Amino acid sequence: MTENTPEPQNEFEREPVPTSKLKSWKSFLGMYAGEHAAGTEFVIGPLFLTAGVSAFDLIIGLLIGNFLAVLSWRLLTAEIAVKHRLTLYYQLEQICGKKLVTVYNLANGILFCFLAGAMVTVSATAVGVPFDMQMPKLTDTMPNSVTWVVVVLLVGTVISIIAAKGYDTVSKAANWMAPFIVLAFLVAGIVALGQLNVNSLADFWAIWGEGSEPFPGQIKYTFWHVVLWSWFANAAMHIGMSDLSVLRYAKSATYGWTTAAGMYVGHYMAWIAAALLYVVYLKSPEAQGMLDNGVAPPVAPGPLAYNAIGFFGIVAVVLAGWTTANPTIYRAGLAFQSVLPKTTTFWVTIMAGGLATIAGLFPAFAMKLLDFVALYGFILAPMGAIIVFDHFFGKRLGIGWNGEHNKFNNAVFASWAISAVGFYLLSVWFDIFLSFVTLPAWILCGLLYLIFSNKTTLKKASVHRV
């Protein structure tokens, strides 16, 4: 080993996490608060406004949707994580077979890289403020300047190195940064309330009122759009079981409740605070001029935070992007490592960070974040149903883990294909909001897995008896 080669780290990619390596609840509290009070919240909050939500739809809808997300983590993901203490990818390999899970892991890792890329984009909008960098618009898809490219590359490099250091480093970074980021969101929201002359709950409610028409190019969000989107914004992590890779380090399944720190500090307080920042901007002459011309004003987190709390806001957006991108790239690295088991986790995570950085060059992933998050959760969630239904029903039906790693589990593939592809086509044909069909697709996938696997098991048993 040369002195420039990183020391190999044991992330227990293909074995249960030993008891000596389990983490305290504080580790998860900080990580979830940091990951979900993040740079993307500066985008998502304003995007709800562009969808014309009402006060009731936003405030009550988010309250319910985030609670359903916490329940999903606690009752499903955490329970299974502490039972087996395996990564999502290795546990799927035991059920699906090596060949099928390789395809899934590649898709999973790439989608996570695209999501992390959106977070790199968010941080870059803050780094670019002092350089008077041109910010991406809601309709932008390609890089708009050389400065943008340089800033994104620098931000992505730093994030990738932190993620490649492993779970301990990712967790420590989140714990260090989380209090600062949470404080920034809170202060920014309070400042925005002052700028909007809000002096009572009625004034606060009136900001959204009965809602409005969506901005050009956006769709109208109702109460159920908000509830289901906020529930399934992290569908890949909870009902999709990706957070098995994180919660396998938990001492108890009760640690699943720590996700509430992310949902109610990040996906509630932070989204609303970010929406308030955008309301302030929408009242500016610049934004009003764009709206009068039928153009949606840009959603650039860096300038929004800077206008509210100055340099403090820039630092907060940069750190917020890091704390979300770090664990996302870490998860992507684990997915790629399962495909390339002879490559160290460090280098596959660097590879994932590189792909995320390239994705971050293209603003479309951040500017269309509501749509992208709904899509990636929808694609990945049904495979989580395989693990959940196998965990709760597989043993009594005599199906599930068989250790035949080189085989292709046709029952799993057929279950995913019928449910995911079928419901996606249904959403396209009938113009149904994708989050509306995420849960039906998840349930159908799990049920089909039990039916197809049971038939295969019975068929094998019949042949054996003959």
Protein backbone atom coordinates (compact mmCIF):
# COMPACT_ATOMS: atom_id res chain seq x y z
CA MET A 1 0.00 0.00 0.00
CA THR A 2 1.47 3.37 -1.00
CA GLU A 3 1.37 6.27 1.39
CA ASN A 4 -1.09 8.06 -0.91
CA THR A 5 -3.54 5.17 -0.91
CA PRO A 6 -6.45 5.63 1.54
CA GLU A 7 -6.61 3.17 4.41
CA PRO A 8 -9.33 0.58 3.73
CA GLN A 9 -12.41 1.05 5.86
CA ASN A 10 -14.85 -1.62 6.93
CA GLU A 11 -18.39 -0.47 6.22
CA PHE A 12 -19.72 -4.05 6.68
CA GLU A 13 -21.10 -4.09 3.15
CA ARG A 14 -21.62 -7.87 3.10
CA GLU A 15 -22.01 -8.79 6.77
CA PRO A 16 -24.09 -7.68 9.76
CA VAL A 17 -22.86 -4.66 11.68
CA PRO A 18 -21.25 -5.97 14.92
CA THR A 19 -22.57 -4.84 18.28
CA SER A 20 -19.35 -2.95 19.02
CA LYS A 21 -19.99 -0.62 16.07
CA LEU A 22 -23.57 0.39 16.92
CA LYS A 23 -24.27 4.13 17.31
CA SER A 24 -26.18 6.10 19.93
CA TRP A 25 -29.49 7.79 19.18
CA LYS A 26 -27.70 11.16 19.07
CA SER A 27 -25.82 10.05 15.98
CA PHE A 28 -29.09 9.45 14.11
CA LEU A 29 -30.77 12.56 15.47
CA GLY A 30 -27.98 14.76 14.15
CA MET A 31 -27.73 12.96 10.84
CA TYR A 32 -31.46 13.10 10.09
CA ALA A 33 -31.78 16.73 11.23
CA GLY A 34 -28.79 17.68 9.10
CA GLU A 35 -29.80 15.63 6.07
CA HIS A 36 -33.38 16.88 5.94
CA ALA A 37 -32.83 20.48 7.07
CA ALA A 38 -30.86 20.79 3.91
CA GLY A 39 -30.08 22.78 0.82
CA THR A 40 -32.90 21.22 -1.15
CA GLU A 41 -35.37 22.60 1.41
CA PHE A 42 -34.47 26.04 0.10
CA VAL A 43 -35.81 24.84 -3.28
CA ILE A 44 -38.78 22.72 -2.21
CA GLY A 45 -40.40 25.39 -0.01
CA PRO A 46 -40.56 27.93 -2.86
CA LEU A 47 -41.64 25.28 -5.36
CA PHE A 48 -44.77 24.66 -3.29
CA LEU A 49 -45.60 28.31 -3.83
CA THR A 50 -45.13 27.97 -7.58
CA ALA A 51 -47.74 25.17 -7.40
CA GLY A 52 -50.29 27.59 -5.92
CA VAL A 53 -50.90 25.83 -2.58
CA SER A 54 -53.30 27.28 0.00
CA ALA A 55 -52.42 27.86 3.66
CA PHE A 56 -54.43 24.84 4.85
CA ASP A 57 -53.02 22.56 2.16
CA LEU A 58 -49.44 23.51 2.99
CA ILE A 59 -49.46 23.73 6.79
CA ILE A 60 -51.84 20.87 7.63
CA GLY A 61 -50.89 18.75 4.62
CA LEU A 62 -47.21 18.83 5.57
CA LEU A 63 -48.06 18.05 9.19
CA ILE A 64 -49.85 14.84 8.20
CA GLY A 65 -47.57 13.77 5.35
CA ASN A 66 -44.41 14.07 7.43
CA PHE A 67 -45.99 12.08 10.28
CA LEU A 68 -46.78 9.26 7.87
CA ALA A 69 -43.14 9.32 6.73
CA VAL A 70 -41.89 9.04 10.34
CA LEU A 71 -44.22 6.08 10.95
CA SER A 72 -42.89 4.38 7.81
CA TRP A 73 -39.30 4.72 9.05
CA ARG A 74 -40.10 3.59 12.58
CA LEU A 75 -42.48 0.69 11.93
CA LEU A 76 -40.92 -0.71 8.77
CA THR A 77 -37.35 0.38 8.04
CA ALA A 78 -36.00 0.48 11.60
CA GLU A 79 -37.63 -2.83 12.57
CA ILE A 80 -36.07 -4.69 9.65
CA ALA A 81 -32.73 -2.87 9.95
CA VAL A 82 -32.05 -3.94 13.55
CA LYS A 83 -33.23 -7.50 12.86
CA HIS A 84 -30.67 -8.25 10.12
CA ARG A 85 -28.22 -5.28 10.29
CA LEU A 86 -27.46 -5.57 6.59
CA THR A 87 -27.35 -2.98 3.83
CA LEU A 88 -30.33 -2.79 1.51
CA TYR A 89 -28.16 -4.04 -1.33
CA TYR A 90 -26.83 -7.19 0.34
CA GLN A 91 -30.24 -8.04 1.81
CA LEU A 92 -31.84 -7.75 -1.62
CA GLU A 93 -29.10 -9.95 -3.02
CA GLN A 94 -30.14 -12.71 -0.61
CA ILE A 95 -33.72 -12.50 -1.89
CA CYS A 96 -33.39 -11.51 -5.54
CA GLY A 97 -30.19 -13.19 -6.63
CA LYS A 98 -26.93 -11.56 -7.70
CA LYS A 99 -27.86 -10.89 -11.32
CA LEU A 100 -31.13 -9.09 -10.69
CA VAL A 101 -29.88 -7.05 -7.75
CA THR A 102 -26.94 -5.84 -9.84
CA VAL A 103 -29.34 -4.12 -12.23
CA TYR A 104 -31.31 -2.64 -9.34
CA ASN A 105 -28.19 -1.40 -7.56
CA LEU A 106 -26.95 0.36 -10.66
CA ALA A 107 -30.30 2.13 -11.09
CA ASN A 108 -30.46 2.91 -7.38
CA GLY A 109 -26.94 4.35 -7.28
CA ILE A 110 -27.46 6.47 -10.40
CA LEU A 111 -30.76 7.92 -9.13
CA PHE A 112 -29.15 8.78 -5.78
CA CYS A 113 -26.32 10.49 -7.66
CA PHE A 114 -28.83 12.61 -9.57
CA LEU A 115 -30.51 13.55 -6.30
CA ALA A 116 -27.16 14.46 -4.76
CA GLY A 117 -26.46 16.46 -7.89
CA ALA A 118 -29.45 18.67 -7.11
CA MET A 119 -27.93 19.32 -3.69
CA VAL A 120 -24.60 20.24 -5.27
CA THR A 121 -26.54 22.70 -7.44
CA VAL A 122 -28.11 24.24 -4.35
CA SER A 123 -24.78 24.75 -2.59
CA ALA A 124 -23.30 26.21 -5.77
CA THR A 125 -25.96 28.95 -5.87
CA ALA A 126 -24.67 30.12 -2.49
CA VAL A 127 -20.96 29.90 -3.33
CA GLY A 128 -21.62 31.93 -6.48
CA VAL A 129 -23.27 34.87 -4.70
CA PRO A 130 -20.00 36.75 -3.89
CA PHE A 131 -18.92 36.33 -7.52
CA ASP A 132 -22.17 37.80 -8.86
CA MET A 133 -22.72 34.54 -10.70
CA GLN A 134 -25.73 34.23 -13.00
CA MET A 135 -28.24 31.99 -11.24
CA PRO A 136 -30.19 29.19 -12.96
CA LYS A 137 -33.82 29.80 -13.85
CA LEU A 138 -36.73 27.42 -13.28
CA THR A 139 -36.63 26.53 -16.96
CA ASP A 140 -32.85 26.07 -17.25
CA THR A 141 -31.46 22.63 -18.05
CA MET A 142 -27.87 23.34 -19.16
CA PRO A 143 -24.97 25.14 -17.40
CA ASN A 144 -25.26 28.87 -18.04
CA SER A 145 -21.65 30.04 -17.54
CA VAL A 146 -18.04 28.99 -17.02
CA THR A 147 -18.23 30.35 -13.46
CA TRP A 148 -21.14 28.02 -12.76
CA VAL A 149 -19.15 25.01 -13.97
CA VAL A 150 -16.10 25.87 -11.86
CA VAL A 151 -18.14 26.47 -8.69
CA VAL A 152 -20.10 23.22 -9.08
CA LEU A 153 -16.91 21.22 -9.63
CA LEU A 154 -15.30 22.65 -6.50
CA VAL A 155 -18.38 22.07 -4.33
CA GLY A 156 -18.85 18.54 -5.66
CA THR A 157 -15.25 17.60 -4.99
CA VAL A 158 -15.43 18.61 -1.31
CA ILE A 159 -18.74 16.79 -0.79
CA SER A 160 -17.44 13.61 -2.46
CA ILE A 161 -14.33 13.44 -0.27
CA ILE A 162 -16.38 13.80 2.93
CA ALA A 163 -18.82 11.07 1.83
CA ALA A 164 -15.97 8.73 0.84
CA LYS A 165 -14.55 8.83 4.38
CA GLY A 166 -17.40 6.53 5.48
CA TYR A 167 -20.40 6.56 7.78
CA ASP A 168 -18.52 7.85 10.82
CA THR A 169 -17.36 10.95 8.96
CA VAL A 170 -20.76 11.52 7.37
CA SER A 171 -22.45 11.27 10.76
CA LYS A 172 -19.94 13.54 12.49
CA ALA A 173 -20.19 16.15 9.73
CA ALA A 174 -23.98 16.17 10.06
CA ASN A 175 -23.82 16.56 13.83
CA TRP A 176 -21.41 19.47 13.57
CA MET A 177 -23.38 21.32 10.92
CA ALA A 178 -26.99 20.52 11.85
CA PRO A 179 -27.43 23.07 14.69
CA PHE A 180 -26.02 25.87 12.53
CA ILE A 181 -28.27 24.98 9.59
CA VAL A 182 -31.42 24.65 11.71
CA LEU A 183 -30.71 28.02 13.32
CA ALA A 184 -30.23 29.58 9.88
CA PHE A 185 -33.61 28.34 8.65
CA LEU A 186 -35.31 29.57 11.82
CA VAL A 187 -33.67 33.01 11.69
CA ALA A 188 -34.34 33.35 7.96
CA GLY A 189 -38.02 32.54 8.51
CA ILE A 190 -38.32 35.08 11.35
CA VAL A 191 -36.61 37.76 9.28
CA ALA A 192 -38.93 37.04 6.35
CA LEU A 193 -41.97 37.34 8.63
CA GLY A 194 -40.74 40.78 9.67
CA GLN A 195 -40.21 41.80 6.05
CA LEU A 196 -43.76 40.67 5.28
CA ASN A 197 -45.18 42.62 8.27
CA VAL A 198 -46.68 39.50 9.85
CA ASN A 199 -47.95 40.34 13.35
CA SER A 200 -50.49 37.59 13.99
CA LEU A 201 -51.49 34.06 13.04
CA ALA A 202 -54.09 35.54 10.70
CA ASP A 203 -51.39 37.53 8.88
CA PHE A 204 -49.29 34.37 8.62
CA TRP A 205 -52.22 32.32 7.26
CA ALA A 206 -53.04 35.05 4.76
CA ILE A 207 -49.64 34.69 3.09
CA TRP A 208 -50.96 31.62 1.26
CA GLY A 209 -54.66 32.26 1.84
CA GLU A 210 -56.89 30.17 -0.40
CA GLY A 211 -54.03 29.50 -2.79
CA SER A 212 -53.48 30.78 -6.29
CA GLU A 213 -53.07 29.66 -9.85
CA PRO A 214 -49.80 27.76 -10.42
CA PHE A 215 -46.90 29.57 -12.07
CA PRO A 216 -46.25 29.03 -15.79
CA GLY A 217 -45.09 25.46 -16.41
CA GLN A 218 -46.18 24.19 -12.95
CA ILE A 219 -49.17 22.09 -11.88
CA LYS A 220 -51.72 22.96 -9.18
CA TYR A 221 -51.14 21.29 -5.81
CA THR A 222 -54.11 20.41 -3.58
CA PHE A 223 -54.19 19.11 0.00
CA TRP A 224 -53.67 15.52 -1.13
CA HIS A 225 -50.80 16.50 -3.41
CA VAL A 226 -49.02 17.97 -0.39
CA VAL A 227 -49.80 15.04 1.95
CA LEU A 228 -48.75 12.31 -0.45
CA TRP A 229 -45.77 14.15 -1.89
CA SER A 230 -44.35 14.91 1.58
CA TRP A 231 -44.97 11.30 2.69
CA PHE A 232 -43.22 9.85 -0.33
CA ALA A 233 -40.55 12.52 -0.84
CA ASN A 234 -38.25 10.01 0.87
CA ALA A 235 -40.08 6.89 -0.27
CA ALA A 236 -36.83 5.32 -1.45
CA MET A 237 -35.39 5.72 2.05
CA HIS A 238 -38.28 4.40 4.17
CA ILE A 239 -40.76 2.16 2.33
CA GLY A 240 -38.03 1.62 -0.30
CA MET A 241 -35.74 0.40 2.52
CA SER A 242 -32.63 2.35 1.47
CA ASP A 243 -32.15 3.49 5.07
CA LEU A 244 -31.52 -0.10 6.12
CA SER A 245 -27.95 0.89 5.24
CA VAL A 246 -28.03 3.65 7.88
CA LEU A 247 -30.34 2.27 10.58
CA ARG A 248 -28.45 -1.05 10.69
CA TYR A 249 -26.13 0.85 13.05
CA ALA A 250 -29.00 1.60 15.48
CA LYS A 251 -29.03 -0.11 18.88
CA SER A 252 -32.82 -0.29 18.87
CA ALA A 253 -35.68 0.06 16.41
CA THR A 254 -36.95 2.94 18.55
CA TYR A 255 -34.17 5.02 16.99
CA GLY A 256 -36.47 5.21 13.97
CA TRP A 257 -38.31 7.99 15.81
CA THR A 258 -35.22 10.21 15.36
CA THR A 259 -36.35 10.70 11.76
CA ALA A 260 -38.93 13.12 13.19
CA ALA A 261 -36.06 15.58 13.65
CA GLY A 262 -35.60 15.56 9.91
CA MET A 263 -39.29 15.67 9.06
CA TYR A 264 -40.44 18.41 11.41
CA VAL A 265 -37.32 20.54 11.59
CA GLY A 266 -36.44 20.06 7.94
CA HIS A 267 -39.50 19.05 5.98
CA TYR A 268 -41.81 21.29 7.98
CA MET A 269 -40.13 24.29 9.56
CA ALA A 270 -37.46 24.60 6.87
CA TRP A 271 -39.87 24.25 3.92
CA ILE A 272 -42.17 26.89 5.37
CA ALA A 273 -39.24 29.21 6.19
CA ALA A 274 -37.89 28.83 2.65
CA ALA A 275 -41.34 29.52 1.21
CA LEU A 276 -41.44 32.76 3.23
CA LEU A 277 -38.11 33.83 1.73
CA TYR A 278 -39.57 33.30 -1.72
CA VAL A 279 -42.69 35.30 -0.84
CA VAL A 280 -40.43 38.23 0.05
CA TYR A 281 -38.68 37.92 -3.30
CA LEU A 282 -41.97 37.65 -5.21
CA LYS A 283 -42.93 41.10 -3.92
CA SER A 284 -39.82 42.66 -5.48
CA PRO A 285 -40.13 44.71 -8.71
CA GLU A 286 -37.88 42.20 -10.49
CA ALA A 287 -40.13 39.24 -9.68
CA GLN A 288 -43.33 41.17 -10.38
CA GLY A 289 -42.00 42.11 -13.79
CA MET A 290 -41.32 38.47 -14.62
CA LEU A 291 -44.78 37.41 -13.50
CA ASP A 292 -46.38 40.16 -15.57
CA ASN A 293 -44.53 38.76 -18.59
CA GLY A 294 -45.70 35.20 -17.87
CA VAL A 295 -42.28 34.05 -16.65
CA ALA A 296 -41.76 32.16 -13.37
CA PRO A 297 -39.22 33.98 -11.14
CA PRO A 298 -36.08 31.90 -10.40
CA VAL A 299 -35.73 29.78 -7.28
CA ALA A 300 -32.05 30.24 -6.35
CA PRO A 301 -31.44 29.32 -2.68
CA GLY A 302 -28.19 31.24 -2.31
CA PRO A 303 -29.56 34.69 -3.16
CA LEU A 304 -32.81 34.05 -1.25
CA ALA A 305 -30.92 33.25 1.96
CA TYR A 306 -28.40 36.04 1.40
CA ASN A 307 -31.16 38.63 0.98
CA ALA A 308 -32.60 37.59 4.35
CA ILE A 309 -29.59 37.01 6.61
CA GLY A 310 -26.55 38.00 4.59
CA PHE A 311 -23.29 36.03 4.68
CA PHE A 312 -24.76 33.77 7.38
CA GLY A 313 -27.32 32.65 4.80
CA ILE A 314 -24.64 31.82 2.22
CA VAL A 315 -22.76 29.63 4.68
CA ALA A 316 -26.00 27.93 5.75
CA VAL A 317 -26.99 27.03 2.18
CA VAL A 318 -23.53 25.63 1.42
CA LEU A 319 -23.49 23.49 4.56
CA ALA A 320 -27.11 22.45 4.06
CA GLY A 321 -26.27 21.13 0.61
CA TRP A 322 -23.32 19.21 2.01
CA THR A 323 -25.21 17.53 4.84
CA THR A 324 -27.79 16.14 2.42
CA ALA A 325 -25.43 15.24 -0.40
CA ASN A 326 -22.98 13.46 1.91
CA PRO A 327 -25.26 10.61 3.08
CA THR A 328 -26.90 10.45 -0.36
CA ILE A 329 -23.54 9.90 -2.05
CA TYR A 330 -22.62 7.46 0.72
CA ARG A 331 -25.75 5.41 -0.09
CA ALA A 332 -24.94 5.56 -3.81
CA GLY A 333 -21.40 4.38 -3.07
CA LEU A 334 -22.74 1.35 -1.19
CA ALA A 335 -24.98 0.55 -4.17
CA PHE A 336 -22.03 0.70 -6.58
CA GLN A 337 -19.81 -1.24 -4.17
CA SER A 338 -22.26 -4.15 -4.26
CA VAL A 339 -21.82 -4.19 -8.04
CA LEU A 340 -18.03 -3.85 -7.79
CA PRO A 341 -17.27 -5.80 -4.58
CA LYS A 342 -13.50 -5.90 -5.21
CA THR A 343 -13.34 -2.09 -5.29
CA THR A 344 -13.02 -0.34 -1.94
CA THR A 345 -15.96 1.66 -0.66
CA PHE A 346 -13.77 4.77 -0.70
CA TRP A 347 -13.22 4.68 -4.45
CA VAL A 348 -16.75 3.69 -5.46
CA THR A 349 -18.02 6.57 -3.31
CA ILE A 350 -15.60 8.93 -5.06
CA MET A 351 -17.01 7.61 -8.34
CA ALA A 352 -20.56 8.28 -7.10
CA GLY A 353 -19.54 11.77 -6.03
CA GLY A 354 -18.10 12.42 -9.47
CA LEU A 355 -21.36 11.40 -11.13
CA ALA A 356 -23.32 13.58 -8.67
CA THR A 357 -21.06 16.53 -9.45
CA ILE A 358 -21.61 16.11 -13.19
CA ALA A 359 -25.38 15.96 -12.55
CA GLY A 360 -25.08 19.13 -10.46
CA LEU A 361 -23.87 21.01 -13.52
CA PHE A 362 -27.38 20.67 -14.96
CA PRO A 363 -29.89 22.85 -13.01
CA ALA A 364 -32.90 20.87 -14.21
CA PHE A 365 -32.47 18.30 -11.41
CA ALA A 366 -32.89 21.05 -8.79
CA MET A 367 -35.40 23.24 -10.61
CA LYS A 368 -37.70 20.25 -11.26
CA LEU A 369 -37.04 18.74 -7.84
CA LEU A 370 -40.70 18.08 -6.95
CA ASP A 371 -41.15 16.01 -10.09
CA PHE A 372 -37.79 14.24 -9.84
CA VAL A 373 -38.22 13.30 -6.17
CA ALA A 374 -41.66 11.86 -6.90
CA LEU A 375 -40.23 9.84 -9.81
CA TYR A 376 -37.19 8.38 -8.09
CA GLY A 377 -39.21 7.41 -5.03
CA PHE A 378 -41.81 5.75 -7.24
CA ILE A 379 -39.18 3.72 -9.11
CA LEU A 380 -37.28 2.51 -6.04
CA ALA A 381 -40.07 2.07 -3.48
CA PRO A 382 -41.59 -1.17 -4.89
CA MET A 383 -38.32 -3.06 -4.38
CA GLY A 384 -38.55 -2.12 -0.71
CA ALA A 385 -41.92 -3.87 -0.64
CA ILE A 386 -40.13 -7.10 -1.54
CA ILE A 387 -38.06 -6.84 1.66
CA VAL A 388 -41.02 -5.77 3.82
CA PHE A 389 -43.39 -8.50 2.64
CA ASP A 390 -40.60 -11.07 2.79
CA HIS A 391 -39.78 -10.03 6.37
CA PHE A 392 -43.34 -10.21 7.67
CA PHE A 393 -44.80 -13.03 5.56
CA GLY A 394 -41.99 -14.89 3.81
CA LYS A 395 -41.02 -17.31 6.56
CA ARG A 396 -44.56 -18.55 7.20
CA LEU A 397 -45.03 -19.11 3.44
CA GLY A 398 -41.68 -20.86 3.10
CA ILE A 399 -40.24 -18.33 0.67
CA GLY A 400 -37.52 -15.72 0.78
CA TRP A 401 -33.78 -15.92 1.40
CA ASN A 402 -32.18 -18.81 -0.44
CA GLY A 403 -28.53 -17.76 -0.75
CA GLU A 404 -28.56 -18.58 -4.46
CA HIS A 405 -26.64 -15.41 -5.28
CA ASN A 406 -25.99 -16.20 -8.93
CA LYS A 407 -29.61 -16.72 -9.86
CA PHE A 408 -32.16 -14.29 -11.26
CA ASN A 409 -35.33 -14.22 -9.18
CA ASN A 410 -38.08 -14.07 -11.79
CA ALA A 411 -40.78 -13.60 -9.15
CA VAL A 412 -39.16 -10.40 -7.92
CA PHE A 413 -38.58 -9.01 -11.40
CA ALA A 414 -42.13 -9.77 -12.54
CA SER A 415 -43.57 -8.21 -9.39
CA TRP A 416 -41.60 -4.98 -9.83
CA ALA A 417 -42.21 -4.75 -13.60
CA ILE A 418 -45.98 -5.27 -13.37
CA SER A 419 -46.48 -2.85 -10.48
CA ALA A 420 -44.00 -0.08 -11.31
CA VAL A 421 -44.39 -0.04 -15.09
CA GLY A 422 -48.12 -0.63 -14.91
CA PHE A 423 -48.87 2.19 -12.48
CA TYR A 424 -46.45 4.54 -14.23
CA LEU A 425 -48.23 4.04 -17.54
CA LEU A 426 -51.54 4.53 -15.73
CA SER A 427 -50.31 7.87 -14.35
CA VAL A 428 -49.22 8.98 -17.82
CA TRP A 429 -52.37 7.88 -19.65
CA PHE A 430 -54.76 9.43 -17.15
CA ASP A 431 -52.51 12.32 -16.09
CA ILE A 432 -52.41 11.16 -12.44
CA PHE A 433 -49.94 12.80 -10.06
CA LEU A 434 -47.22 10.18 -9.56
CA SER A 435 -47.27 10.30 -5.74
CA PHE A 436 -50.93 9.20 -5.88
CA VAL A 437 -49.93 5.80 -7.26
CA THR A 438 -46.73 5.19 -5.24
CA LEU A 439 -48.48 3.36 -2.39
CA PRO A 440 -50.71 1.20 -4.66
CA ALA A 441 -47.65 0.21 -6.70
CA TRP A 442 -45.74 -0.65 -3.49
CA ILE A 443 -48.55 -2.81 -2.10
CA LEU A 444 -49.15 -4.57 -5.42
CA CYS A 445 -45.45 -5.35 -5.80
CA GLY A 446 -45.33 -6.95 -2.35
CA LEU A 447 -48.48 -9.01 -2.93
CA LEU A 448 -47.33 -10.19 -6.35
CA TYR A 449 -43.99 -11.20 -4.87
CA LEU A 450 -45.75 -13.42 -2.32
CA ILE A 451 -48.04 -14.93 -4.95
CA PHE A 452 -45.35 -15.57 -7.58
CA SER A 453 -42.80 -16.85 -5.04
CA ASN A 454 -45.32 -19.14 -3.39
CA LYS A 455 -46.28 -20.65 -6.73
CA THR A 456 -42.61 -21.22 -7.55
CA THR A 457 -42.02 -22.83 -4.15
CA LEU A 458 -45.05 -25.12 -4.53
CA LYS A 459 -43.95 -26.09 -8.04
CA LYS A 460 -40.45 -27.01 -6.80
CA ALA A 461 -41.92 -28.99 -3.92
CA SER A 462 -44.22 -30.87 -6.29
CA VAL A 463 -41.33 -31.75 -8.62
CA HIS A 464 -39.26 -32.88 -5.60
CA ARG A 465 -42.06 -35.16 -4.36
CA VAL A 466 -42.38 -36.80 -7.78
